[in-house]
Amino acid sequence: MKTLLLSCLLAFALPAIAADGAIEKSIASPERTAADRERDAREKPAEVLAFAGVKPGMVIADIFAAGGYYTELLAGVVGDGGKVLAINNLSYATYDKDNIKARFTEGRLKNVDRRLVEASYMNIAPKSVDLAVIVMSYHDVYWLDEKSGWPEINADGFLDSIRRMLKPGGKLLIIDHNAAVGTGKEVVARLHRLNEDWAKKSLESHGFVLEKTYDGLRNPKDSLDKPVFDAAVKGKTDRYVHLYGVK
C-alpha cells in the first residue's frame, strides 16, 4: 500500500519537477550562440519565461519573432511534446533574414514551425495556442512610415487574430519599450516606443485582461524620449512586461 501511495505521489510530482528545470536547461543549452548568451544579461529570460508560465508541452506563438532569440529559448522549454510558431511578416523576415538563416539551419529546432503571415490577419488555427508572445515589437503594429516600407497593419485584425488563436485560458505576453505618459501611437515611427498605459488600454479594448506585471526590465533612468536605437539608451530602455488573459 505504501509503495502504491509513493508511486502515485511521484507521478504527480515528476511533471512539476521537470517543468521547474526546463527553463534553466534551455538557457544553458550548448547549442546557443555567444551572441544570444550575451543578450541574456539584459533580457533576463529565466525570470521572464517563469513569469509567463512557460512549460514543457505548450504550444507558443512567437509573434514578430524576427531572428528568433526567444524562439529558440521557447523551443527548448516546450520540448519535443510542444511546439513554437515563429511568426513573421515579410518585413520582419526580410530585415532579419541573415539571423533567421543562421538559426534555422537544417536539423535545428525541429519543434519550431515557421510562419510567414500578413499581420493584419494571422491565419493561425483557432484555439490552438497556449501562449502568444510579442517581444519589443507590439509598437510596430502602430508604426506608420511610408519611407520605411513597413506595411500598414490593421490593429483590430491583428489583435482579433491573437484572441482567435488562444485556447481557453490562454495568455498573451507583451514586452515593449516604454514611452512618456500621455503619448500614444503618434510617437512610434520616431521613437519605436509605446506608452505602457496606452498599450494596456488598446489591449483591454479587444478583450484582454491584464493579470500581472514583471518589473525586472525596468530602467527609471530612461528619459523615455530617445529613439531606442540611440546609443544613450540602446539595450537599456525602460521596458514593461505584461501578462494578459482573455475575458
Protein backbone atom coordinates (compact mmCIF):
# COMPACT_ATOMS: atom_id res chain seq x y z
CA MET A 1 0.00 0.00 0.00
CA LYS A 2 2.84 2.38 0.91
CA THR A 3 4.60 1.57 -2.36
CA LEU A 4 1.43 2.33 -4.34
CA LEU A 5 0.94 5.62 -2.49
CA LEU A 6 4.55 6.64 -3.13
CA SER A 7 4.21 5.82 -6.82
CA CYS A 8 1.08 7.97 -7.08
CA LEU A 9 2.78 10.89 -5.36
CA LEU A 10 5.77 10.65 -7.68
CA ALA A 11 3.50 10.58 -10.71
CA PHE A 12 2.11 13.96 -9.71
CA ALA A 13 5.45 15.41 -8.63
CA LEU A 14 7.66 14.50 -11.59
CA PRO A 15 5.97 16.74 -14.20
CA ALA A 16 6.35 19.69 -11.85
CA ILE A 17 9.99 18.85 -11.25
CA ALA A 18 10.61 18.52 -14.98
CA ALA A 19 8.92 21.86 -15.66
CA ASP A 20 10.97 23.58 -12.97
CA GLY A 21 14.23 22.66 -14.69
CA ALA A 22 13.20 23.13 -18.33
CA ILE A 23 13.84 26.88 -18.45
CA GLU A 24 17.32 26.61 -16.96
CA LYS A 25 18.17 23.71 -19.28
CA SER A 26 17.07 25.67 -22.34
CA ILE A 27 19.13 28.71 -21.38
CA ALA A 28 22.18 26.54 -20.65
CA SER A 29 21.97 24.65 -23.96
CA PRO A 30 25.43 24.38 -25.58
CA GLU A 31 23.79 24.93 -28.98
CA ARG A 32 23.03 28.57 -28.19
CA THR A 33 25.30 31.22 -29.70
CA ALA A 34 27.67 33.51 -27.85
CA ALA A 35 25.63 36.49 -29.06
CA ASP A 36 22.45 35.04 -27.52
CA ARG A 37 24.23 34.36 -24.24
CA GLU A 38 25.48 37.94 -24.15
CA ARG A 39 21.93 39.17 -24.73
CA ASP A 40 20.69 37.10 -21.77
CA ALA A 41 22.22 39.59 -19.32
CA ARG A 42 19.85 42.36 -20.41
CA GLU A 43 16.82 40.21 -21.26
CA LYS A 44 16.71 38.09 -18.05
CA PRO A 45 15.00 35.22 -19.92
CA ALA A 46 14.89 32.85 -16.93
CA GLU A 47 12.77 35.32 -14.98
CA VAL A 48 10.62 36.34 -17.95
CA LEU A 49 9.82 32.76 -19.02
CA ALA A 50 9.00 31.74 -15.45
CA PHE A 51 6.78 34.83 -15.10
CA ALA A 52 4.90 33.84 -18.28
CA GLY A 53 4.43 30.26 -17.06
CA VAL A 54 6.25 28.62 -19.98
CA LYS A 55 6.30 24.84 -19.52
CA PRO A 56 7.08 21.65 -21.47
CA GLY A 57 4.36 20.57 -23.88
CA MET A 58 2.94 24.05 -24.55
CA VAL A 59 2.13 25.48 -27.99
CA ILE A 60 3.51 29.02 -28.15
CA ALA A 61 3.21 31.68 -30.85
CA ASP A 62 6.28 33.94 -31.01
CA ILE A 63 4.79 36.85 -32.94
CA PHE A 64 7.24 39.06 -34.90
CA ALA A 65 9.86 36.53 -33.89
CA ALA A 66 12.49 38.27 -36.07
CA GLY A 67 15.84 36.44 -35.78
CA GLY A 68 14.48 34.01 -33.21
CA TYR A 69 16.27 34.75 -29.93
CA TYR A 70 13.14 33.96 -27.94
CA THR A 71 12.00 31.30 -30.42
CA GLU A 72 15.00 29.13 -29.59
CA LEU A 73 14.59 29.60 -25.84
CA LEU A 74 10.89 28.76 -26.02
CA ALA A 75 11.56 25.71 -28.19
CA GLY A 76 14.00 24.40 -25.61
CA VAL A 77 11.46 24.75 -22.81
CA VAL A 78 8.40 23.26 -24.54
CA GLY A 79 10.45 20.31 -25.75
CA ASP A 80 9.50 17.52 -28.13
CA GLY A 81 5.96 17.44 -26.77
CA GLY A 82 5.37 21.11 -27.55
CA LYS A 83 5.64 23.47 -30.49
CA VAL A 84 6.66 27.05 -31.20
CA LEU A 85 5.19 29.03 -34.08
CA ALA A 86 7.83 31.53 -35.23
CA ILE A 87 5.62 34.15 -36.86
CA ASN A 88 6.98 36.96 -39.05
CA ASN A 89 5.51 39.20 -41.68
CA LEU A 90 7.50 39.82 -44.86
CA SER A 91 9.16 42.96 -43.49
CA TYR A 92 10.48 41.23 -40.36
CA ALA A 93 11.56 38.16 -42.34
CA THR A 94 13.48 40.35 -44.81
CA TYR A 95 15.05 42.63 -42.20
CA ASP A 96 16.42 39.73 -40.14
CA LYS A 97 16.98 37.23 -42.96
CA ASP A 98 20.64 36.56 -42.11
CA ASN A 99 19.93 35.76 -38.45
CA ILE A 100 16.93 33.64 -39.45
CA LYS A 101 19.04 31.67 -41.94
CA ALA A 102 21.75 31.03 -39.34
CA ARG A 103 19.36 29.98 -36.58
CA PHE A 104 17.24 27.68 -38.68
CA THR A 105 19.95 25.74 -40.47
CA GLU A 106 18.88 22.23 -41.43
CA GLY A 107 18.18 19.98 -38.48
CA ARG A 108 17.95 22.71 -35.81
CA LEU A 109 14.86 23.48 -33.72
CA LYS A 110 12.69 20.70 -35.09
CA ASN A 111 9.75 21.69 -32.88
CA VAL A 112 9.57 25.15 -34.49
CA ASP A 113 7.00 25.84 -37.20
CA ARG A 114 7.98 28.97 -39.13
CA ARG A 115 5.08 31.03 -40.48
CA LEU A 116 5.14 33.98 -42.89
CA VAL A 117 1.90 35.92 -42.45
CA GLU A 118 0.12 39.14 -43.28
CA ALA A 119 -0.03 40.60 -39.78
CA SER A 120 -3.49 42.15 -40.11
CA TYR A 121 -4.88 38.64 -40.22
CA MET A 122 -2.68 35.86 -38.90
CA ASN A 123 -4.40 32.74 -40.11
CA ILE A 124 -3.47 30.52 -37.15
CA ALA A 125 -5.82 27.66 -36.20
CA PRO A 126 -8.45 28.79 -33.67
CA LYS A 127 -7.91 27.76 -30.04
CA SER A 128 -4.57 26.12 -30.82
CA VAL A 129 -2.11 28.26 -28.83
CA ASP A 130 -1.42 28.26 -25.08
CA LEU A 131 0.67 31.43 -25.03
CA ALA A 132 1.28 34.24 -27.52
CA VAL A 133 4.46 36.26 -27.08
CA ILE A 134 5.27 39.70 -28.54
CA VAL A 135 8.73 40.85 -27.51
CA MET A 136 9.65 44.50 -28.13
CA SER A 137 7.53 44.71 -31.25
CA TYR A 138 3.93 45.41 -30.24
CA HIS A 139 4.66 49.05 -31.07
CA ASP A 140 5.26 48.02 -34.69
CA VAL A 141 1.56 47.29 -35.06
CA TYR A 142 1.09 51.07 -34.92
CA TRP A 143 4.13 52.10 -36.96
CA LEU A 144 3.18 54.32 -39.91
CA ASP A 145 6.13 55.48 -42.03
CA GLU A 146 5.79 55.49 -45.80
CA LYS A 147 9.58 55.75 -46.35
CA SER A 148 10.34 52.63 -44.32
CA GLY A 149 8.44 50.18 -46.49
CA TRP A 150 6.70 48.82 -43.39
CA PRO A 151 3.14 47.80 -44.28
CA GLU A 152 0.22 49.41 -42.51
CA ILE A 153 -1.27 46.90 -40.07
CA ASN A 154 -4.90 46.74 -39.13
CA ALA A 155 -4.59 46.67 -35.32
CA ASP A 156 -8.12 45.36 -34.85
CA GLY A 157 -7.46 42.43 -37.17
CA PHE A 158 -4.08 41.74 -35.56
CA LEU A 159 -5.45 41.60 -32.01
CA ASP A 160 -8.55 39.66 -33.03
CA SER A 161 -6.24 37.11 -34.68
CA ILE A 162 -4.43 36.62 -31.39
CA ARG A 163 -7.67 36.13 -29.49
CA ARG A 164 -8.83 33.55 -32.00
CA MET A 165 -5.63 31.52 -31.81
CA LEU A 166 -5.58 31.30 -28.00
CA LYS A 167 -7.00 28.27 -26.25
CA PRO A 168 -9.46 28.81 -23.38
CA GLY A 169 -7.28 30.03 -20.54
CA GLY A 170 -4.54 31.08 -22.99
CA LYS A 171 -2.28 34.05 -22.24
CA LEU A 172 -0.57 36.92 -24.06
CA LEU A 173 2.88 38.16 -23.00
CA ILE A 174 3.84 41.69 -24.03
CA ILE A 175 7.32 43.18 -23.60
CA ASP A 176 7.93 46.63 -25.04
CA HIS A 177 9.88 49.88 -24.75
CA ASN A 178 8.01 52.41 -22.64
CA ALA A 179 7.25 55.94 -23.84
CA ALA A 180 6.30 59.06 -21.90
CA VAL A 181 2.98 59.30 -20.07
CA GLY A 182 0.26 60.81 -22.23
CA THR A 183 1.75 59.69 -25.53
CA GLY A 184 0.26 57.13 -27.88
CA LYS A 185 0.88 55.65 -31.29
CA GLU A 186 1.96 59.00 -32.73
CA VAL A 187 5.50 58.56 -31.29
CA VAL A 188 6.10 55.05 -32.64
CA ALA A 189 7.61 55.98 -36.01
CA ARG A 190 10.07 58.37 -34.37
CA LEU A 191 10.97 56.50 -31.17
CA HIS A 192 9.99 52.83 -31.66
CA ARG A 193 8.30 53.03 -28.26
CA LEU A 194 4.74 52.69 -26.97
CA ASN A 195 3.50 54.03 -23.67
CA GLU A 196 2.58 51.33 -21.18
CA ASP A 197 -0.84 52.72 -20.26
CA TRP A 198 -1.76 53.31 -23.90
CA ALA A 199 -0.74 49.75 -24.78
CA LYS A 200 -2.79 48.36 -21.89
CA LYS A 201 -5.91 50.26 -22.99
CA SER A 202 -5.51 49.12 -26.59
CA LEU A 203 -5.39 45.50 -25.45
CA GLU A 204 -8.24 45.85 -22.97
CA SER A 205 -10.43 47.28 -25.73
CA HIS A 206 -10.08 43.93 -27.51
CA GLY A 207 -11.00 41.75 -24.55
CA PHE A 208 -7.58 41.18 -22.99
CA VAL A 209 -7.27 41.46 -19.21
CA LEU A 210 -4.01 42.40 -17.51
CA GLU A 211 -3.28 39.70 -14.93
CA LYS A 212 0.17 40.60 -13.66
CA THR A 213 3.34 42.57 -14.41
CA TYR A 214 7.07 41.96 -14.01
CA ASP A 215 9.41 44.87 -13.25
CA GLY A 216 12.78 43.19 -13.82
CA LEU A 217 13.40 45.04 -17.11
CA ARG A 218 12.60 48.49 -15.77
CA ASN A 219 15.05 51.38 -16.02
CA PRO A 220 13.91 54.51 -14.14
CA LYS A 221 16.89 56.40 -15.60
CA ASP A 222 15.48 56.15 -19.13
CA SER A 223 14.08 59.56 -20.09
CA LEU A 224 11.59 57.83 -22.46
CA ASP A 225 12.11 60.45 -25.17
CA LYS A 226 15.02 59.00 -27.15
CA PRO A 227 14.74 56.51 -30.03
CA VAL A 228 15.51 53.00 -28.81
CA PHE A 229 18.49 52.78 -31.20
CA ASP A 230 20.11 55.89 -29.71
CA ALA A 231 23.48 54.93 -28.22
CA ALA A 232 22.49 56.52 -24.90
CA VAL A 233 19.64 54.03 -24.34
CA LYS A 234 20.20 51.11 -26.74
CA GLY A 235 19.79 47.92 -24.73
CA LYS A 236 18.90 49.96 -21.64
CA THR A 237 15.37 51.21 -22.27
CA ASP A 238 12.64 51.11 -19.65
CA ARG A 239 10.65 48.01 -20.63
CA TYR A 240 7.29 46.88 -19.31
CA VAL A 241 6.36 43.21 -19.14
CA HIS A 242 2.64 42.38 -19.04
CA LEU A 243 0.81 39.06 -18.96
CA TYR A 244 -2.79 39.17 -20.21
CA GLY A 245 -5.63 36.73 -20.08
CA VAL A 246 -8.81 36.91 -22.16
CA LYS A 247 -12.34 37.72 -20.98
